[in-house]
């Protein structure tokens, strides 16, 4: 099969790899019809995630058609059109029983914190991802869901991570009716978080980013007020100014490990790899939230330490909530919102490229070229 492979920082290419095979009775083999490049894939692309091995195939956002099934999978049939959450989970461990699918205890022997994630280095289990023609799906009896006939492929694809994660980020904020919600980052996850904040009762939603085209998308897609951080001498002062110098009720960090805004933090994290990620956005969130408010963290950070202002969070009495999104737990409500016409996740897609051109797709997304917000990858017909 054709698959994207990692060759080192800033180097990916399409190669022939052996077709995946059924390794366990609960496996399925899915022929990928659509995949996507996620902002968190750029952390891998830039060499920021530990144990990202040469030859690894990225891609944790994908949908496809079931091609083979292990003998223990009874809820799917060959030919089913399925959407696959980015979390790999067993469905039966202590954490899965509590809906914490992203924290499954049985799918990642390489770490005690993160569970299993498709195409996200050996730190997240070493599973090859969906930027390929075929992918092995473990625990296929609990992860994938048949896509409803009324749902478009591209809407389904956005629910496999980006939109579900943004929605989860708004949930973590425990938004109360009338709250002022600030979202740091206007990439796909930030856009979804901003739009979802309205669904949860926000009275005001403000998106922060340093790129004008992404802020324009936030105004159009999420109907948010916008602030260009590159035009601010002090982002936190602006956050306070917009809220009568109290701070926002809820701030959502949808940026994560590669936030700009502080040269020292960016260099020690993104360049020298001395931190698990630049804490700039998270520190803005802590400083820009009112006393007693909530900070939601859904931007991806690596496993190393980061220089976070934890003392300030303590002294302000903040509630900090964070996790990798348990995607499948969000789907029932998101299905309802799509069917009712309240949301259209596919509206954030700006580019569609064939798998053969994925190196150009990564370069375009990483370098913020051609007003790229969200890129869909289309494998060749099998």
Protein backbone atom coordinates (compact mmCIF):
# COMPACT_ATOMS: atom_id res chain seq x y z
CA UNK A 1 0.00 0.00 0.00
CA UNK A 2 0.97 3.66 -0.32
CA UNK A 3 1.52 5.44 2.98
CA UNK A 4 3.03 8.63 4.33
CA UNK A 5 6.27 7.91 6.21
CA UNK A 6 8.33 10.03 8.55
CA UNK A 7 11.99 10.48 7.54
CA UNK A 8 13.10 12.97 10.20
CA UNK A 9 12.14 16.51 11.24
CA UNK A 10 10.44 18.38 8.39
CA UNK A 11 10.82 15.33 6.13
CA UNK A 12 7.91 13.10 5.10
CA UNK A 13 7.25 11.19 1.92
CA UNK A 14 4.93 8.60 0.41
CA UNK A 15 6.35 5.08 0.18
CA UNK A 16 5.19 1.54 -0.38
CA UNK A 17 4.65 -0.31 2.89
CA UNK A 18 3.33 -3.82 3.51
CA UNK A 19 -0.44 -4.00 3.78
CA UNK A 20 -1.55 -4.21 7.42
CA UNK A 21 -2.97 -7.55 8.50
CA UNK A 22 -5.32 -8.84 11.15
CA UNK A 23 -3.17 -9.44 14.25
CA UNK A 24 -5.92 -10.03 16.82
CA UNK A 25 -9.51 -11.27 16.63
CA UNK A 26 -10.75 -7.78 17.59
CA UNK A 27 -8.90 -6.06 14.71
CA UNK A 28 -10.29 -4.60 11.51
CA UNK A 29 -8.55 -3.45 8.35
CA UNK A 30 -10.03 -0.22 7.02
CA UNK A 31 -9.45 1.17 3.54
CA UNK A 32 -9.04 4.90 4.10
CA UNK A 33 -11.29 7.16 2.04
CA UNK A 34 -10.39 10.45 3.74
CA UNK A 35 -7.73 11.49 6.25
CA UNK A 36 -6.59 14.85 7.56
CA UNK A 37 -3.47 16.65 8.73
CA UNK A 38 -3.96 17.81 12.32
CA UNK A 39 -2.20 20.70 14.00
CA UNK A 40 -0.79 18.21 16.51
CA UNK A 41 0.74 16.27 13.59
CA UNK A 42 3.01 19.28 13.17
CA UNK A 43 4.55 18.57 16.59
CA UNK A 44 5.67 15.23 15.12
CA UNK A 45 6.68 16.80 11.82
CA UNK A 46 8.82 19.35 13.65
CA UNK A 47 10.56 16.65 15.70
CA UNK A 48 9.09 17.68 19.05
CA UNK A 49 7.59 14.35 20.17
CA UNK A 50 9.95 11.78 21.72
CA UNK A 51 10.35 8.39 20.06
CA UNK A 52 8.99 9.35 16.65
CA UNK A 53 10.67 6.68 14.55
CA UNK A 54 11.76 6.70 10.93
CA UNK A 55 9.14 5.00 8.79
CA UNK A 56 6.23 5.78 11.12
CA UNK A 57 2.96 6.69 9.40
CA UNK A 58 1.12 9.67 10.89
CA UNK A 59 -2.59 10.40 10.81
CA UNK A 60 -5.10 10.11 13.66
CA UNK A 61 -8.04 11.62 11.77
CA UNK A 62 -9.48 9.25 9.17
CA UNK A 63 -12.60 7.51 7.92
CA UNK A 64 -12.93 4.59 5.53
CA UNK A 65 -14.57 1.36 4.51
CA UNK A 66 -14.14 -1.91 6.40
CA UNK A 67 -12.15 -4.33 4.25
CA UNK A 68 -11.39 -7.18 6.69
CA UNK A 69 -12.60 -8.15 10.15
CA UNK A 70 -11.20 -10.28 12.93
CA UNK A 71 -13.36 -13.14 14.09
CA UNK A 72 -14.42 -11.45 17.35
CA UNK A 73 -15.82 -8.29 15.71
CA UNK A 74 -19.58 -8.73 15.39
CA UNK A 75 -20.91 -5.16 15.30
CA UNK A 76 -19.35 -4.26 11.93
CA UNK A 77 -19.53 -5.80 8.46
CA UNK A 78 -17.18 -5.73 5.50
CA UNK A 79 -18.18 -2.77 3.37
CA UNK A 80 -19.37 -0.61 6.27
CA UNK A 81 -18.50 3.10 6.02
CA UNK A 82 -16.92 3.93 9.38
CA UNK A 83 -15.46 6.83 11.32
CA UNK A 84 -12.61 6.00 13.69
CA UNK A 85 -11.86 8.05 16.83
CA UNK A 86 -8.23 9.00 17.26
CA UNK A 87 -8.16 7.20 20.62
CA UNK A 88 -7.37 3.50 20.62
CA UNK A 89 -9.14 1.96 23.61
CA UNK A 90 -10.20 -1.43 24.92
CA UNK A 91 -13.61 -0.43 26.25
CA UNK A 92 -13.33 -2.54 29.40
CA UNK A 93 -10.52 -1.29 31.67
CA UNK A 94 -10.99 0.88 34.79
CA UNK A 95 -10.69 4.09 32.75
CA UNK A 96 -12.76 3.06 29.74
CA UNK A 97 -15.55 2.00 32.10
CA UNK A 98 -15.64 5.63 33.25
CA UNK A 99 -15.69 7.09 29.75
CA UNK A 100 -12.00 8.06 29.83
CA UNK A 101 -11.27 6.42 26.49
CA UNK A 102 -8.20 8.59 25.92
CA UNK A 103 -6.69 7.17 29.13
CA UNK A 104 -7.19 3.47 28.35
CA UNK A 105 -4.85 1.32 30.42
CA UNK A 106 -4.45 -1.57 27.98
CA UNK A 107 -3.26 -0.06 24.71
CA UNK A 108 0.08 1.63 25.34
CA UNK A 109 2.93 -0.25 26.99
CA UNK A 110 5.28 2.69 26.42
CA UNK A 111 3.74 5.24 28.79
CA UNK A 112 1.73 5.51 31.99
CA UNK A 113 0.08 8.83 31.10
CA UNK A 114 -1.12 8.88 27.50
CA UNK A 115 -3.20 6.06 26.03
CA UNK A 116 -3.01 4.80 22.46
CA UNK A 117 -3.27 7.19 19.50
CA UNK A 118 -3.08 6.35 15.80
CA UNK A 119 0.04 7.64 14.09
CA UNK A 120 1.42 9.56 17.04
CA UNK A 121 4.86 8.10 17.74
CA UNK A 122 5.82 5.16 19.93
CA UNK A 123 5.19 7.38 22.95
CA UNK A 124 1.50 6.90 22.11
CA UNK A 125 1.80 3.19 21.39
CA UNK A 126 3.54 3.06 18.01
CA UNK A 127 0.38 2.43 15.99
CA UNK A 128 0.58 3.42 12.33
CA UNK A 129 -1.96 6.05 11.36
CA UNK A 130 -4.43 6.77 8.63
CA UNK A 131 -2.45 8.89 6.18
CA UNK A 132 -2.27 5.76 4.07
CA UNK A 133 -4.42 3.60 1.86
CA UNK A 134 -5.04 1.01 4.59
CA UNK A 135 -4.87 1.01 8.38
CA UNK A 136 -5.17 -1.63 11.08
CA UNK A 137 -7.83 -0.68 13.64
CA UNK A 138 -7.40 -2.50 16.99
CA UNK A 139 -10.44 -3.06 19.22
CA UNK A 140 -12.67 -2.50 16.22
CA UNK A 141 -15.64 -3.76 18.21
CA UNK A 142 -15.53 -0.67 20.48
CA UNK A 143 -13.82 2.16 18.54
CA UNK A 144 -15.23 2.69 15.04
CA UNK A 145 -18.83 3.71 14.42
CA UNK A 146 -20.82 3.28 11.21
CA UNK A 147 -21.32 6.72 9.66
CA UNK A 148 -25.03 7.61 9.50
CA UNK A 149 -26.43 7.78 5.97
CA UNK A 150 -27.36 11.43 6.44
CA UNK A 151 -23.84 12.53 7.48
CA UNK A 152 -21.29 13.66 4.90
CA UNK A 153 -17.85 12.07 4.79
CA UNK A 154 -16.14 15.36 5.57
CA UNK A 155 -18.33 16.11 8.60
CA UNK A 156 -17.60 12.59 9.88
CA UNK A 157 -13.86 13.13 9.35
CA UNK A 158 -13.88 16.33 11.41
CA UNK A 159 -15.50 14.47 14.30
CA UNK A 160 -12.64 11.95 14.55
CA UNK A 161 -10.56 14.58 16.36
CA UNK A 162 -10.62 18.30 15.55
CA UNK A 163 -14.24 19.18 16.17
CA UNK A 164 -14.75 16.64 18.96
CA UNK A 165 -11.64 17.95 20.73
CA UNK A 166 -12.81 21.56 20.45
CA UNK A 167 -16.23 20.60 21.79
CA UNK A 168 -14.57 18.74 24.66
CA UNK A 169 -12.47 21.82 25.41
CA UNK A 170 -15.63 23.89 25.82
CA UNK A 171 -17.05 21.16 28.07
CA UNK A 172 -13.96 21.24 30.28
CA UNK A 173 -14.50 24.96 30.81
CA UNK A 174 -17.78 24.27 32.65
CA UNK A 175 -19.29 27.27 30.89
CA UNK A 176 -22.20 28.95 32.68
CA UNK A 177 -24.82 30.93 30.76
CA UNK A 178 -23.52 34.41 30.00
CA UNK A 179 -19.82 33.59 30.55
CA UNK A 180 -17.07 35.37 28.66
CA UNK A 181 -14.98 32.69 26.97
CA UNK A 182 -11.60 33.36 25.41
CA UNK A 183 -10.05 30.82 23.05
CA UNK A 184 -6.31 30.94 22.43
CA UNK A 185 -5.66 29.69 18.91
CA UNK A 186 -7.88 29.86 15.85
CA UNK A 187 -6.80 26.65 14.18
CA UNK A 188 -9.39 23.91 13.64
CA UNK A 189 -9.59 22.88 17.31
CA UNK A 190 -9.79 26.48 18.45
CA UNK A 191 -12.50 27.21 15.88
CA UNK A 192 -14.51 24.24 17.11
CA UNK A 193 -14.03 25.28 20.74
CA UNK A 194 -15.21 28.82 20.00
CA UNK A 195 -18.31 27.63 18.15
CA UNK A 196 -19.04 25.04 20.84
CA UNK A 197 -18.83 27.68 23.57
CA UNK A 198 -21.97 29.30 22.14
CA UNK A 199 -23.76 25.95 22.28
CA UNK A 200 -22.97 25.76 25.99
CA UNK A 201 -24.38 29.18 26.81
CA UNK A 202 -21.48 31.62 26.47
CA UNK A 203 -22.49 35.25 26.36
CA UNK A 204 -19.31 36.37 24.65
CA UNK A 205 -16.64 34.44 22.72
CA UNK A 206 -13.26 35.94 21.79
CA UNK A 207 -10.63 34.19 19.64
CA UNK A 208 -6.91 35.04 19.79
CA UNK A 209 -4.39 34.24 17.07
CA UNK A 210 -1.49 35.86 15.23
CA UNK A 211 -2.70 35.18 11.69
CA UNK A 212 -5.31 37.42 10.12
CA UNK A 213 -6.73 34.73 7.84
CA UNK A 214 -7.40 32.42 10.78
CA UNK A 215 -9.03 35.24 12.70
CA UNK A 216 -11.24 35.92 9.68
CA UNK A 217 -12.23 32.24 9.79
CA UNK A 218 -13.05 32.59 13.50
CA UNK A 219 -15.38 35.47 12.74
CA UNK A 220 -17.06 33.63 9.87
CA UNK A 221 -17.16 30.08 11.27
CA UNK A 222 -17.51 30.70 15.01
CA UNK A 223 -18.99 34.23 15.04
CA UNK A 224 -16.36 35.21 17.58
CA UNK A 225 -14.77 38.54 18.37
CA UNK A 226 -11.10 38.41 17.43
CA UNK A 227 -7.76 39.72 18.66
CA UNK A 228 -4.51 39.58 16.71
CA UNK A 229 -1.88 38.86 19.35
CA UNK A 230 0.94 40.15 17.13
CA UNK A 231 -0.61 43.63 17.41
CA UNK A 232 -0.59 43.59 21.23
CA UNK A 233 2.28 44.78 23.37
CA UNK A 234 0.96 42.57 26.18
CA UNK A 235 -1.65 39.93 25.44
CA UNK A 236 -2.68 39.50 29.08
CA UNK A 237 -3.27 43.23 29.50
CA UNK A 238 -5.56 43.11 26.46
CA UNK A 239 -7.41 40.11 27.90
CA UNK A 240 -7.95 42.07 31.10
CA UNK A 241 -8.89 45.28 29.29
CA UNK A 242 -11.67 43.48 27.39
CA UNK A 243 -13.18 42.21 30.66
CA UNK A 244 -13.19 45.32 32.87
CA UNK A 245 -9.78 44.25 34.14
CA UNK A 246 -11.22 41.16 35.85
CA UNK A 247 -10.25 38.48 33.34
CA UNK A 248 -12.34 35.99 31.38
CA UNK A 249 -14.61 33.48 33.09
CA UNK A 250 -13.15 30.70 30.95
CA UNK A 251 -9.98 30.54 28.83
CA UNK A 252 -9.37 27.61 26.50
CA UNK A 253 -5.79 26.82 25.42
CA UNK A 254 -6.17 25.38 21.94
CA UNK A 255 -2.57 26.12 20.93
CA UNK A 256 -0.34 23.77 22.88
CA UNK A 257 3.33 23.06 22.52
CA UNK A 258 4.44 25.45 19.78
CA UNK A 259 2.95 28.74 20.93
CA UNK A 260 4.82 31.87 19.88
CA UNK A 261 4.93 35.05 21.94
CA UNK A 262 8.04 34.58 24.09
CA UNK A 263 11.39 34.01 22.39
CA UNK A 264 13.03 32.26 25.35
CA UNK A 265 10.14 29.85 25.86
CA UNK A 266 9.84 29.12 22.15
CA UNK A 267 13.56 28.45 21.71
CA UNK A 268 13.90 26.22 24.79
CA UNK A 269 10.91 24.15 23.74
CA UNK A 270 10.48 24.11 19.97
CA UNK A 271 14.17 24.47 19.09
CA UNK A 272 16.25 23.03 21.95
CA UNK A 273 13.60 20.51 23.13
CA UNK A 274 14.32 21.35 26.78
CA UNK A 275 10.60 21.61 27.59
CA UNK A 276 7.57 19.51 26.71
CA UNK A 277 6.27 22.51 24.82
CA UNK A 278 6.23 26.28 24.95
CA UNK A 279 4.01 27.25 27.90
CA UNK A 280 3.29 30.73 26.51
CA UNK A 281 -0.39 30.14 25.70
CA UNK A 282 -1.02 28.25 28.93
CA UNK A 283 0.55 31.04 30.97
CA UNK A 284 -1.57 33.60 29.12
CA UNK A 285 -4.60 31.50 29.98
CA UNK A 286 -3.65 31.43 33.67
CA UNK A 287 -2.96 35.16 33.79
CA UNK A 288 -5.97 36.13 31.65
CA UNK A 289 -8.60 34.19 33.59
CA UNK A 290 -10.44 35.91 36.42
CA UNK A 291 -9.97 34.74 40.00
CA UNK A 292 -12.04 31.61 40.55
CA UNK A 293 -12.37 31.05 36.80
CA UNK A 294 -11.61 28.01 34.67
CA UNK A 295 -8.79 27.12 32.31
CA UNK A 296 -9.32 24.34 29.78
CA UNK A 297 -6.27 22.82 28.09
CA UNK A 298 -6.75 20.85 24.87
CA UNK A 299 -3.64 21.97 23.00
CA UNK A 300 -1.11 19.14 22.80
CA UNK A 301 2.00 19.15 25.00
CA UNK A 302 4.83 16.64 25.18
CA UNK A 303 5.75 14.52 28.22
CA UNK A 304 8.65 16.68 29.44
CA UNK A 305 8.18 19.43 32.03
CA UNK A 306 7.09 22.95 31.00
CA UNK A 307 7.64 26.25 32.86
CA UNK A 308 4.01 26.84 33.81
CA UNK A 309 2.90 29.54 36.27
CA UNK A 310 1.32 27.06 38.62
CA UNK A 311 1.69 29.35 41.65
CA UNK A 312 -0.42 32.00 39.94
CA UNK A 313 -3.10 29.43 39.16
CA UNK A 314 -3.11 28.36 42.83
CA UNK A 315 -3.27 31.87 44.22
CA UNK A 316 -6.10 32.85 41.87
CA UNK A 317 -8.15 29.79 42.81
CA UNK A 318 -8.40 28.63 39.20
CA UNK A 319 -9.88 25.35 38.08
CA UNK A 320 -7.58 23.71 35.50
CA UNK A 321 -9.03 20.83 33.50
CA UNK A 322 -7.32 19.04 30.64
CA UNK A 323 -7.09 15.75 28.79
CA UNK A 324 -6.85 14.21 25.39
CA UNK A 325 -10.46 14.21 24.21
CA UNK A 326 -12.38 10.96 24.69
CA UNK A 327 -13.75 11.37 21.19
CA UNK A 328 -16.44 8.73 21.03
CA UNK A 329 -18.05 10.11 24.18
CA UNK A 330 -18.75 13.36 22.32
CA UNK A 331 -20.35 11.80 19.26
CA UNK A 332 -23.99 11.33 20.34
CA UNK A 333 -24.45 15.04 21.10
CA UNK A 334 -22.42 16.16 18.07
CA UNK A 335 -24.49 13.90 15.81
CA UNK A 336 -27.60 15.65 17.14
CA UNK A 337 -26.11 19.10 16.51
CA UNK A 338 -25.15 18.25 12.93
CA UNK A 339 -28.51 16.71 12.12
CA UNK A 340 -30.31 19.74 13.59
CA UNK A 341 -28.18 22.07 11.47
CA UNK A 342 -26.55 23.83 14.42
CA UNK A 343 -23.01 22.98 13.30
CA UNK A 344 -21.28 22.06 10.04
CA UNK A 345 -17.77 20.90 11.00
CA UNK A 346 -16.64 20.47 7.40
CA UNK A 347 -16.93 24.24 6.87
CA UNK A 348 -13.49 24.64 8.43
CA UNK A 349 -11.83 22.62 5.64
CA UNK A 350 -9.84 24.81 3.25
CA UNK A 351 -7.67 22.38 1.28
CA UNK A 352 -7.94 18.89 -0.21
CA UNK A 353 -4.84 17.11 -1.51
CA UNK A 354 -4.06 13.63 -2.83
CA UNK A 355 -1.99 11.35 -0.59
CA UNK A 356 0.81 11.47 -3.17
CA UNK A 357 1.27 15.20 -2.44
CA UNK A 358 1.28 14.92 1.34
CA UNK A 359 4.82 16.31 1.69
CA UNK A 360 3.62 19.51 0.04
CA UNK A 361 0.55 19.44 2.27
CA UNK A 362 2.67 19.32 5.42
CA UNK A 363 4.90 22.11 4.17
CA UNK A 364 1.89 24.27 3.32
CA UNK A 365 0.23 23.71 6.69
CA UNK A 366 3.44 24.11 8.71
CA UNK A 367 4.45 27.30 6.89
CA UNK A 368 0.90 28.75 7.01
CA UNK A 369 0.79 29.14 3.23
CA UNK A 370 -2.25 29.79 1.02
CA UNK A 371 -4.46 30.64 4.04
CA UNK A 372 -4.47 26.97 5.02
CA UNK A 373 -6.68 26.16 8.03
CA UNK A 374 -7.54 22.47 7.60
CA UNK A 375 -6.22 20.01 5.01
CA UNK A 376 -7.97 16.82 3.97
CA UNK A 377 -5.90 13.99 2.45
CA UNK A 378 -7.49 11.84 -0.25
CA UNK A 379 -5.84 8.43 -0.84
CA UNK A 380 -5.88 6.88 -4.30
CA UNK A 381 -8.71 4.53 -5.11
CA UNK A 382 -7.76 1.00 -4.12
